[in-house]
């Protein structure tokens, strides 16, 4: 069992895919910064901000799915009801934060 807060990817490919997504998002953010610096038309900048926000939400959904498939599944397999309840609560809280953002 991993320590609380660690990320368990099903494979190195999954982890690499997340890193690639984060790199693209990072590039989007740098692009937005350049747009602001270059006084780009506000609507174009807002469009890019919307795209970056969507990319982050999409990444968050992948992480929630990962949590359910791996962390929650491990808790169920352990038979530890307290651990299961904690993992369900973590997932519920994370989904709630995502919906409120």
PDB file of N, CA and C in Angstrom:
ATOM      1  N   UNK A   1       0.855  -1.184   0.000  1.00  0.00           N
ATOM      2  CA  UNK A   1       0.000   0.000   0.000  1.00  0.00           C
ATOM      3  C   UNK A   1       0.894   1.238   0.000  1.00  0.00           C
ATOM      4  N   UNK A   2       0.579   2.200  -0.850  1.00  0.00           N
ATOM      5  CA  UNK A   2       1.356   3.439  -0.942  1.00  0.00           C
ATOM      6  C   UNK A   2       1.003   4.367   0.198  1.00  0.00           C
ATOM      7  N   UNK A   3       1.897   5.319   0.434  1.00  0.00           N
ATOM      8  CA  UNK A   3       1.589   6.315   1.450  1.00  0.00           C
ATOM      9  C   UNK A   3       0.518   7.261   0.931  1.00  0.00           C
ATOM     10  N   UNK A   4      -0.225   7.864   1.854  1.00  0.00           N
ATOM     11  CA  UNK A   4      -1.292   8.793   1.501  1.00  0.00           C
ATOM     12  C   UNK A   4      -0.722   9.937   0.675  1.00  0.00           C
ATOM     13  N   UNK A   5      -1.376  10.251  -0.413  1.00  0.00           N
ATOM     14  CA  UNK A   5      -0.968  11.382  -1.225  1.00  0.00           C
ATOM     15  C   UNK A   5      -0.067  11.031  -2.385  1.00  0.00           C
ATOM     16  N   UNK A   6       0.423   9.790  -2.453  1.00  0.00           N
ATOM     17  CA  UNK A   6       1.281   9.424  -3.576  1.00  0.00           C
ATOM     18  C   UNK A   6       0.408   9.091  -4.781  1.00  0.00           C
ATOM     19  N   UNK A   7       1.002   9.187  -5.953  1.00  0.00           N
ATOM     20  CA  UNK A   7       0.277   8.894  -7.186  1.00  0.00           C
ATOM     21  C   UNK A   7       0.734   7.540  -7.690  1.00  0.00           C
ATOM     22  N   UNK A   8      -0.214   6.680  -8.015  1.00  0.00           N
ATOM     23  CA  UNK A   8       0.109   5.375  -8.567  1.00  0.00           C
ATOM     24  C   UNK A   8      -0.468   5.298  -9.968  1.00  0.00           C
ATOM     25  N   UNK A   9       0.386   5.269 -10.935  1.00  0.00           N
ATOM     26  CA  UNK A   9      -0.057   5.134 -12.316  1.00  0.00           C
ATOM     27  C   UNK A   9      -0.048   3.655 -12.672  1.00  0.00           C
ATOM     28  N   UNK A  10      -0.982   3.254 -13.495  1.00  0.00           N
ATOM     29  CA  UNK A  10      -1.050   1.855 -13.912  1.00  0.00           C
ATOM     30  C   UNK A  10       0.210   1.463 -14.665  1.00  0.00           C
ATOM     31  N   UNK A  11       0.816   2.422 -15.349  1.00  0.00           N
ATOM     32  CA  UNK A  11       2.021   2.118 -16.104  1.00  0.00           C
ATOM     33  C   UNK A  11       2.846   3.381 -16.282  1.00  0.00           C
ATOM     34  N   UNK A  12       4.071   3.177 -16.706  1.00  0.00           N
ATOM     35  CA  UNK A  12       4.940   4.304 -17.022  1.00  0.00           C
ATOM     36  C   UNK A  12       4.340   5.114 -18.161  1.00  0.00           C
ATOM     37  N   UNK A  13       3.678   4.438 -19.102  1.00  0.00           N
ATOM     38  CA  UNK A  13       3.033   5.143 -20.214  1.00  0.00           C
ATOM     39  C   UNK A  13       1.967   6.111 -19.711  1.00  0.00           C
ATOM     40  N   UNK A  14       1.187   5.680 -18.711  1.00  0.00           N
ATOM     41  CA  UNK A  14       0.161   6.554 -18.138  1.00  0.00           C
ATOM     42  C   UNK A  14       0.802   7.787 -17.505  1.00  0.00           C
ATOM     43  N   UNK A  15       1.867   7.561 -16.769  1.00  0.00           N
ATOM     44  CA  UNK A  15       2.560   8.673 -16.118  1.00  0.00           C
ATOM     45  C   UNK A  15       3.145   9.610 -17.168  1.00  0.00           C
ATOM     46  N   UNK A  16       3.755   9.057 -18.198  1.00  0.00           N
ATOM     47  CA  UNK A  16       4.317   9.883 -19.270  1.00  0.00           C
ATOM     48  C   UNK A  16       3.229  10.683 -19.980  1.00  0.00           C
ATOM     49  N   UNK A  17       2.064  10.089 -20.156  1.00  0.00           N
ATOM     50  CA  UNK A  17       0.954  10.802 -20.794  1.00  0.00           C
ATOM     51  C   UNK A  17       0.537  12.000 -19.946  1.00  0.00           C
ATOM     52  N   UNK A  18       0.507  11.820 -18.623  1.00  0.00           N
ATOM     53  CA  UNK A  18       0.174  12.942 -17.739  1.00  0.00           C
ATOM     54  C   UNK A  18       1.230  14.037 -17.817  1.00  0.00           C
ATOM     55  N   UNK A  19       2.496  13.643 -17.817  1.00  0.00           N
ATOM     56  CA  UNK A  19       3.587  14.619 -17.914  1.00  0.00           C
ATOM     57  C   UNK A  19       3.489  15.377 -19.234  1.00  0.00           C
ATOM     58  N   UNK A  20       3.180  14.674 -20.319  1.00  0.00           N
ATOM     59  CA  UNK A  20       3.025  15.335 -21.621  1.00  0.00           C
ATOM     60  C   UNK A  20       1.872  16.334 -21.602  1.00  0.00           C
ATOM     61  N   UNK A  21       0.756  15.951 -20.989  1.00  0.00           N
ATOM     62  CA  UNK A  21      -0.381  16.872 -20.873  1.00  0.00           C
ATOM     63  C   UNK A  21       0.017  18.114 -20.085  1.00  0.00           C
ATOM     64  N   UNK A  22       0.723  17.893 -18.977  1.00  0.00           N
ATOM     65  CA  UNK A  22       1.158  19.026 -18.156  1.00  0.00           C
ATOM     66  C   UNK A  22       2.106  19.936 -18.922  1.00  0.00           C
ATOM     67  N   UNK A  23       2.961  19.358 -19.731  1.00  0.00           N
ATOM     68  CA  UNK A  23       3.881  20.169 -20.541  1.00  0.00           C
ATOM     69  C   UNK A  23       3.113  21.025 -21.543  1.00  0.00           C
ATOM     70  N   UNK A  24       2.071  20.441 -22.147  1.00  0.00           N
ATOM     71  CA  UNK A  24       1.251  21.224 -23.087  1.00  0.00           C
ATOM     72  C   UNK A  24       0.528  22.356 -22.365  1.00  0.00           C
ATOM     73  N   UNK A  25       0.008  22.059 -21.183  1.00  0.00           N
ATOM     74  CA  UNK A  25      -0.685  23.087 -20.396  1.00  0.00           C
ATOM     75  C   UNK A  25       0.300  24.186 -20.007  1.00  0.00           C
ATOM     76  N   UNK A  26       1.488  23.782 -19.608  1.00  0.00           N
ATOM     77  CA  UNK A  26       2.524  24.759 -19.262  1.00  0.00           C
ATOM     78  C   UNK A  26       2.811  25.663 -20.464  1.00  0.00           C
ATOM     79  N   UNK A  27       2.882  25.080 -21.650  1.00  0.00           N
ATOM     80  CA  UNK A  27       3.091  25.863 -22.869  1.00  0.00           C
ATOM     81  C   UNK A  27       1.940  26.826 -23.120  1.00  0.00           C
ATOM     82  N   UNK A  28       0.714  26.370 -22.855  1.00  0.00           N
ATOM     83  CA  UNK A  28      -0.445  27.250 -23.014  1.00  0.00           C
ATOM     84  C   UNK A  28      -0.346  28.446 -22.068  1.00  0.00           C
ATOM     85  N   UNK A  29       0.055  28.189 -20.835  1.00  0.00           N
ATOM     86  CA  UNK A  29       0.167  29.264 -19.843  1.00  0.00           C
ATOM     87  C   UNK A  29       1.254  30.252 -20.256  1.00  0.00           C
ATOM     88  N   UNK A  30       2.383  29.735 -20.727  1.00  0.00           N
ATOM     89  CA  UNK A  30       3.441  30.633 -21.215  1.00  0.00           C
ATOM     90  C   UNK A  30       2.931  31.464 -22.390  1.00  0.00           C
ATOM     91  N   UNK A  31       2.149  30.840 -23.267  1.00  0.00           N
ATOM     92  CA  UNK A  31       1.567  31.560 -24.398  1.00  0.00           C
ATOM     93  C   UNK A  31       0.635  32.671 -23.937  1.00  0.00           C
ATOM     94  N   UNK A  32      -0.158  32.403 -22.922  1.00  0.00           N
ATOM     95  CA  UNK A  32      -1.054  33.424 -22.369  1.00  0.00           C
ATOM     96  C   UNK A  32      -0.240  34.582 -21.803  1.00  0.00           C
ATOM     97  N   UNK A  33       0.825  34.253 -21.109  1.00  0.00           N
ATOM     98  CA  UNK A  33       1.702  35.294 -20.563  1.00  0.00           C
ATOM     99  C   UNK A  33       2.257  36.178 -21.680  1.00  0.00           C
ATOM    100  N   UNK A  34       2.692  35.544 -22.774  1.00  0.00           N
ATOM    101  CA  UNK A  34       3.199  36.316 -23.926  1.00  0.00           C
ATOM    102  C   UNK A  34       2.100  37.198 -24.509  1.00  0.00           C
ATOM    103  N   UNK A  35       0.887  36.646 -24.587  1.00  0.00           N
ATOM    104  CA  UNK A  35      -0.228  37.417 -25.138  1.00  0.00           C
ATOM    105  C   UNK A  35      -0.483  38.672 -24.307  1.00  0.00           C
ATOM    106  N   UNK A  36      -0.443  38.525 -22.996  1.00  0.00           N
ATOM    107  CA  UNK A  36      -0.637  39.683 -22.117  1.00  0.00           C
ATOM    108  C   UNK A  36       0.502  40.672 -22.311  1.00  0.00           C
ATOM    109  N   UNK A  37       1.727  40.157 -22.351  1.00  0.00           N
ATOM    110  CA  UNK A  37       2.900  41.019 -22.529  1.00  0.00           C
ATOM    111  C   UNK A  37       2.843  41.776 -23.854  1.00  0.00           C
ATOM    112  N   UNK A  38       2.302  41.140 -24.881  1.00  0.00           N
ATOM    113  CA  UNK A  38       2.248  41.749 -26.216  1.00  0.00           C
ATOM    114  C   UNK A  38       0.936  42.497 -26.473  1.00  0.00           C
ATOM    115  N   UNK A  39       0.150  42.694 -25.408  1.00  0.00           N
ATOM    116  CA  UNK A  39      -1.125  43.416 -25.519  1.00  0.00           C
ATOM    117  C   UNK A  39      -2.050  42.824 -26.584  1.00  0.00           C
ATOM    118  N   UNK A  40      -2.110  41.497 -26.626  1.00  0.00           N
ATOM    119  CA  UNK A  40      -3.007  40.807 -27.559  1.00  0.00           C
ATOM    120  C   UNK A  40      -4.457  41.145 -27.201  1.00  0.00           C
ATOM    121  N   UNK A  41      -5.291  41.176 -28.213  1.00  0.00           N
ATOM    122  CA  UNK A  41      -6.712  41.473 -28.029  1.00  0.00           C
ATOM    123  C   UNK A  41      -7.283  40.595 -26.909  1.00  0.00           C
ATOM    124  N   UNK A  42      -7.999  41.224 -25.990  1.00  0.00           N
ATOM    125  CA  UNK A  42      -8.479  40.546 -24.775  1.00  0.00           C
ATOM    126  C   UNK A  42      -9.273  39.271 -25.064  1.00  0.00           C
ATOM    127  N   UNK A  43     -10.125  39.306 -26.070  1.00  0.00           N
ATOM    128  CA  UNK A  43     -10.965  38.145 -26.371  1.00  0.00           C
ATOM    129  C   UNK A  43     -10.105  36.954 -26.784  1.00  0.00           C
ATOM    130  N   UNK A  44      -9.055  37.198 -27.539  1.00  0.00           N
ATOM    131  CA  UNK A  44      -8.148  36.109 -27.927  1.00  0.00           C
ATOM    132  C   UNK A  44      -7.454  35.533 -26.693  1.00  0.00           C
ATOM    133  N   UNK A  45      -7.039  36.410 -25.787  1.00  0.00           N
ATOM    134  CA  UNK A  45      -6.386  35.954 -24.557  1.00  0.00           C
ATOM    135  C   UNK A  45      -7.365  35.148 -23.714  1.00  0.00           C
ATOM    136  N   UNK A  46      -8.595  35.638 -23.585  1.00  0.00           N
ATOM    137  CA  UNK A  46      -9.608  34.911 -22.817  1.00  0.00           C
ATOM    138  C   UNK A  46      -9.911  33.547 -23.425  1.00  0.00           C
ATOM    139  N   UNK A  47      -9.888  33.459 -24.735  1.00  0.00           N
ATOM    140  CA  UNK A  47     -10.101  32.176 -25.406  1.00  0.00           C
ATOM    141  C   UNK A  47      -9.004  31.192 -25.020  1.00  0.00           C
ATOM    142  N   UNK A  48      -7.775  31.656 -24.964  1.00  0.00           N
ATOM    143  CA  UNK A  48      -6.660  30.788 -24.575  1.00  0.00           C
ATOM    144  C   UNK A  48      -6.740  30.407 -23.099  1.00  0.00           C
ATOM    145  N   UNK A  49      -7.188  31.329 -22.262  1.00  0.00           N
ATOM    146  CA  UNK A  49      -7.377  31.018 -20.837  1.00  0.00           C
ATOM    147  C   UNK A  49      -8.439  29.930 -20.690  1.00  0.00           C
ATOM    148  N   UNK A  50      -9.507  30.033 -21.454  1.00  0.00           N
ATOM    149  CA  UNK A  50     -10.559  29.017 -21.425  1.00  0.00           C
ATOM    150  C   UNK A  50     -10.015  27.653 -21.846  1.00  0.00           C
ATOM    151  N   UNK A  51      -9.192  27.640 -22.884  1.00  0.00           N
ATOM    152  CA  UNK A  51      -8.604  26.377 -23.353  1.00  0.00           C
ATOM    153  C   UNK A  51      -7.701  25.764 -22.286  1.00  0.00           C
ATOM    154  N   UNK A  52      -6.899  26.594 -21.625  1.00  0.00           N
ATOM    155  CA  UNK A  52      -6.007  26.093 -20.574  1.00  0.00           C
ATOM    156  C   UNK A  52      -6.817  25.563 -19.389  1.00  0.00           C
ATOM    157  N   UNK A  53      -7.881  26.269 -19.039  1.00  0.00           N
ATOM    158  CA  UNK A  53      -8.745  25.807 -17.945  1.00  0.00           C
ATOM    159  C   UNK A  53      -9.376  24.461 -18.278  1.00  0.00           C
ATOM    160  N   UNK A  54      -9.826  24.307 -19.503  1.00  0.00           N
ATOM    161  CA  UNK A  54     -10.412  23.029 -19.936  1.00  0.00           C
ATOM    162  C   UNK A  54      -9.385  21.905 -19.884  1.00  0.00           C
ATOM    163  N   UNK A  55      -8.165  22.212 -20.290  1.00  0.00           N
ATOM    164  CA  UNK A  55      -7.100  21.205 -20.254  1.00  0.00           C
ATOM    165  C   UNK A  55      -6.811  20.778 -18.818  1.00  0.00           C
ATOM    166  N   UNK A  56      -6.817  21.724 -17.887  1.00  0.00           N
ATOM    167  CA  UNK A  56      -6.595  21.384 -16.478  1.00  0.00           C
ATOM    168  C   UNK A  56      -7.745  20.544 -15.925  1.00  0.00           C
ATOM    169  N   UNK A  57      -8.982  20.891 -16.279  1.00  0.00           N
ATOM    170  CA  UNK A  57     -10.129  20.089 -15.824  1.00  0.00           C
ATOM    171  C   UNK A  57     -10.055  18.670 -16.371  1.00  0.00           C
ATOM    172  N   UNK A  58      -9.656  18.549 -17.618  1.00  0.00           N
ATOM    173  CA  UNK A  58      -9.513  17.230 -18.232  1.00  0.00           C
ATOM    174  C   UNK A  58      -8.450  16.408 -17.507  1.00  0.00           C
ATOM    175  N   UNK A  59      -7.346  17.038 -17.172  1.00  0.00           N
ATOM    176  CA  UNK A  59      -6.284  16.366 -16.422  1.00  0.00           C
ATOM    177  C   UNK A  59      -6.793  15.940 -15.045  1.00  0.00           C
ATOM    178  N   UNK A  60      -7.554  16.811 -14.406  1.00  0.00           N
ATOM    179  CA  UNK A  60      -8.110  16.481 -13.092  1.00  0.00           C
ATOM    180  C   UNK A  60      -9.019  15.258 -13.176  1.00  0.00           C
ATOM    181  N   UNK A  61      -9.801  15.160 -14.231  1.00  0.00           N
ATOM    182  CA  UNK A  61     -10.676  13.993 -14.400  1.00  0.00           C
ATOM    183  C   UNK A  61      -9.876  12.707 -14.567  1.00  0.00           C
ATOM    184  N   UNK A  62      -8.758  12.789 -15.276  1.00  0.00           N
ATOM    185  CA  UNK A  62      -7.885  11.616 -15.425  1.00  0.00           C
ATOM    186  C   UNK A  62      -7.347  11.200 -14.059  1.00  0.00           C
ATOM    187  N   UNK A  63      -6.949  12.175 -13.243  1.00  0.00           N
ATOM    188  CA  UNK A  63      -6.424  11.857 -11.913  1.00  0.00           C
ATOM    189  C   UNK A  63      -7.504  11.264 -11.010  1.00  0.00           C
ATOM    190  N   UNK A  64      -8.723  11.772 -11.107  1.00  0.00           N
ATOM    191  CA  UNK A  64      -9.821  11.192 -10.324  1.00  0.00           C
ATOM    192  C   UNK A  64     -10.080   9.755 -10.769  1.00  0.00           C
ATOM    193  N   UNK A  65     -10.088   9.536 -12.071  1.00  0.00           N
ATOM    194  CA  UNK A  65     -10.275   8.178 -12.588  1.00  0.00           C
ATOM    195  C   UNK A  65      -9.169   7.259 -12.073  1.00  0.00           C
ATOM    196  N   UNK A  66      -7.937   7.748 -12.093  1.00  0.00           N
ATOM    197  CA  UNK A  66      -6.808   6.974 -11.584  1.00  0.00           C
ATOM    198  C   UNK A  66      -7.023   6.638 -10.111  1.00  0.00           C
ATOM    199  N   UNK A  67      -7.473   7.618  -9.338  1.00  0.00           N
ATOM    200  CA  UNK A  67      -7.709   7.392  -7.909  1.00  0.00           C
ATOM    201  C   UNK A  67      -8.750   6.291  -7.715  1.00  0.00           C
ATOM    202  N   UNK A  68      -9.814   6.356  -8.490  1.00  0.00           N
ATOM    203  CA  UNK A  68     -10.866   5.350  -8.351  1.00  0.00           C
ATOM    204  C   UNK A  68     -10.383   3.967  -8.777  1.00  0.00           C
ATOM    205  N   UNK A  69      -9.638   3.901  -9.874  1.00  0.00           N
ATOM    206  CA  UNK A  69      -9.188   2.612 -10.397  1.00  0.00           C
ATOM    207  C   UNK A  69      -8.090   1.977  -9.556  1.00  0.00           C
ATOM    208  N   UNK A  70      -7.260   2.777  -8.944  1.00  0.00           N
ATOM    209  CA  UNK A  70      -6.108   2.214  -8.242  1.00  0.00           C
ATOM    210  C   UNK A  70      -6.228   2.349  -6.727  1.00  0.00           C
ATOM    211  N   UNK A  71      -6.310   3.571  -6.235  1.00  0.00           N
ATOM    212  CA  UNK A  71      -6.319   3.787  -4.788  1.00  0.00           C
ATOM    213  C   UNK A  71      -7.569   3.209  -4.132  1.00  0.00           C
ATOM    214  N   UNK A  72      -8.714   3.513  -4.708  1.00  0.00           N
ATOM    215  CA  UNK A  72      -9.959   3.012  -4.139  1.00  0.00           C
ATOM    216  C   UNK A  72     -10.060   1.497  -4.302  1.00  0.00           C
ATOM    217  N   UNK A  73      -9.646   0.996  -5.453  1.00  0.00           N
ATOM    218  CA  UNK A  73      -9.676  -0.452  -5.683  1.00  0.00           C
ATOM    219  C   UNK A  73      -8.778  -1.182  -4.685  1.00  0.00           C
ATOM    220  N   UNK A  74      -7.593  -0.622  -4.411  1.00  0.00           N
ATOM    221  CA  UNK A  74      -6.698  -1.241  -3.421  1.00  0.00           C
ATOM    222  C   UNK A  74      -7.334  -1.244  -2.041  1.00  0.00           C
ATOM    223  N   UNK A  75      -8.019  -0.161  -1.706  1.00  0.00           N
ATOM    224  CA  UNK A  75      -8.679  -0.094  -0.401  1.00  0.00           C
ATOM    225  C   UNK A  75      -9.764  -1.163  -0.292  1.00  0.00           C
ATOM    226  N   UNK A  76     -10.512  -1.369  -1.365  1.00  0.00           N
ATOM    227  CA  UNK A  76     -11.556  -2.399  -1.366  1.00  0.00           C
ATOM    228  C   UNK A  76     -10.925  -3.779  -1.205  1.00  0.00           C
ATOM    229  N   UNK A  77      -9.842  -4.021  -1.955  1.00  0.00           N
ATOM    230  CA  UNK A  77      -9.160  -5.316  -1.869  1.00  0.00           C
ATOM    231  C   UNK A  77      -8.578  -5.572  -0.484  1.00  0.00           C
ATOM    232  N   UNK A  78      -8.210  -4.511   0.224  1.00  0.00           N
ATOM    233  CA  UNK A  78      -7.605  -4.672   1.549  1.00  0.00           C
ATOM    234  C   UNK A  78      -8.616  -5.170   2.579  1.00  0.00           C
ATOM    235  N   UNK A  79      -9.901  -4.908   2.320  1.00  0.00           N
ATOM    236  CA  UNK A  79     -10.922  -5.298   3.277  1.00  0.00           C
ATOM    237  C   UNK A  79     -11.025  -4.362   4.469  1.00  0.00           C
ATOM    238  N   UNK A  80     -10.226  -3.314   4.500  1.00  0.00           N
ATOM    239  CA  UNK A  80     -10.199  -2.353   5.606  1.00  0.00           C
ATOM    240  C   UNK A  80     -11.292  -1.307   5.385  1.00  0.00           C
ATOM    241  N   UNK A  81     -12.379  -1.422   6.131  1.00  0.00           N
ATOM    242  CA  UNK A  81     -13.525  -0.522   5.945  1.00  0.00           C
ATOM    243  C   UNK A  81     -13.158   0.931   6.208  1.00  0.00           C
ATOM    244  N   UNK A  82     -12.326   1.169   7.205  1.00  0.00           N
ATOM    245  CA  UNK A  82     -11.914   2.542   7.517  1.00  0.00           C
ATOM    246  C   UNK A  82     -11.138   3.154   6.347  1.00  0.00           C
ATOM    247  N   UNK A  83     -10.240   2.370   5.761  1.00  0.00           N
ATOM    248  CA  UNK A  83      -9.474   2.835   4.606  1.00  0.00           C
ATOM    249  C   UNK A  83     -10.400   3.074   3.414  1.00  0.00           C
ATOM    250  N   UNK A  84     -11.354   2.167   3.210  1.00  0.00           N
ATOM    251  CA  UNK A  84     -12.312   2.333   2.113  1.00  0.00           C
ATOM    252  C   UNK A  84     -13.101   3.629   2.273  1.00  0.00           C
ATOM    253  N   UNK A  85     -13.587   3.867   3.486  1.00  0.00           N
ATOM    254  CA  UNK A  85     -14.351   5.087   3.749  1.00  0.00           C
ATOM    255  C   UNK A  85     -13.502   6.329   3.502  1.00  0.00           C
ATOM    256  N   UNK A  86     -12.239   6.277   3.912  1.00  0.00           N
ATOM    257  CA  UNK A  86     -11.339   7.419   3.718  1.00  0.00           C
ATOM    258  C   UNK A  86     -11.115   7.692   2.234  1.00  0.00           C
ATOM    259  N   UNK A  87     -10.922   6.640   1.448  1.00  0.00           N
ATOM    260  CA  UNK A  87     -10.686   6.812   0.010  1.00  0.00           C
ATOM    261  C   UNK A  87     -11.933   7.334  -0.703  1.00  0.00           C
ATOM    262  N   UNK A  88     -13.103   6.849  -0.305  1.00  0.00           N
ATOM    263  CA  UNK A  88     -14.350   7.356  -0.890  1.00  0.00           C
ATOM    264  C   UNK A  88     -14.517   8.831  -0.536  1.00  0.00           C
ATOM    265  N   UNK A  89     -14.228   9.185   0.714  1.00  0.00           N
ATOM    266  CA  UNK A  89     -14.338  10.577   1.146  1.00  0.00           C
ATOM    267  C   UNK A  89     -13.369  11.468   0.377  1.00  0.00           C
ATOM    268  N   UNK A  90     -12.135  10.985   0.178  1.00  0.00           N
ATOM    269  CA  UNK A  90     -11.154  11.744  -0.614  1.00  0.00           C
ATOM    270  C   UNK A  90     -11.677  11.998  -2.022  1.00  0.00           C
ATOM    271  N   UNK A  91     -12.197  10.960  -2.645  1.00  0.00           N
ATOM    272  CA  UNK A  91     -12.708  11.092  -4.014  1.00  0.00           C
ATOM    273  C   UNK A  91     -13.897  12.047  -4.055  1.00  0.00           C
ATOM    274  N   UNK A  92     -14.803  11.919  -3.105  1.00  0.00           N
ATOM    275  CA  UNK A  92     -15.970  12.801  -3.062  1.00  0.00           C
ATOM    276  C   UNK A  92     -15.562  14.257  -2.892  1.00  0.00           C
ATOM    277  N   UNK A  93     -14.616  14.504  -2.003  1.00  0.00           N
ATOM    278  CA  UNK A  93     -14.143  15.875  -1.774  1.00  0.00           C
ATOM    279  C   UNK A  93     -13.456  16.430  -3.017  1.00  0.00           C
ATOM    280  N   UNK A  94     -12.646  15.610  -3.670  1.00  0.00           N
ATOM    281  CA  UNK A  94     -11.946  16.059  -4.881  1.00  0.00           C
ATOM    282  C   UNK A  94     -12.939  16.370  -5.998  1.00  0.00           C
ATOM    283  N   UNK A  95     -13.935  15.518  -6.169  1.00  0.00           N
ATOM    284  CA  UNK A  95     -14.952  15.755  -7.196  1.00  0.00           C
ATOM    285  C   UNK A  95     -15.732  17.027  -6.869  1.00  0.00           C
ATOM    286  N   UNK A  96     -16.046  17.221  -5.598  1.00  0.00           N
ATOM    287  CA  UNK A  96     -16.747  18.436  -5.181  1.00  0.00           C
ATOM    288  C   UNK A  96     -15.946  19.692  -5.486  1.00  0.00           C
ATOM    289  N   UNK A  97     -14.649  19.657  -5.186  1.00  0.00           N
ATOM    290  CA  UNK A  97     -13.796  20.821  -5.485  1.00  0.00           C
ATOM    291  C   UNK A  97     -13.752  21.082  -6.981  1.00  0.00           C
ATOM    292  N   UNK A  98     -13.667  20.025  -7.756  1.00  0.00           N
ATOM    293  CA  UNK A  98     -13.609  20.171  -9.212  1.00  0.00           C
ATOM    294  C   UNK A  98     -14.912  20.775  -9.748  1.00  0.00           C
ATOM    295  N   UNK A  99     -16.034  20.345  -9.219  1.00  0.00           N
ATOM    296  CA  UNK A  99     -17.320  20.873  -9.672  1.00  0.00           C
ATOM    297  C   UNK A  99     -17.513  22.335  -9.284  1.00  0.00           C
ATOM    298  N   UNK A 100     -16.943  22.735  -8.152  1.00  0.00           N
ATOM    299  CA  UNK A 100     -17.077  24.126  -7.708  1.00  0.00           C
ATOM    300  C   UNK A 100     -16.106  25.070  -8.404  1.00  0.00           C
ATOM    301  N   UNK A 101     -15.089  24.522  -9.060  1.00  0.00           N
ATOM    302  CA  UNK A 101     -14.083  25.401  -9.676  1.00  0.00           C
ATOM    303  C   UNK A 101     -14.543  25.936 -11.009  1.00  0.00           C
TER     304      UNK A 101
END
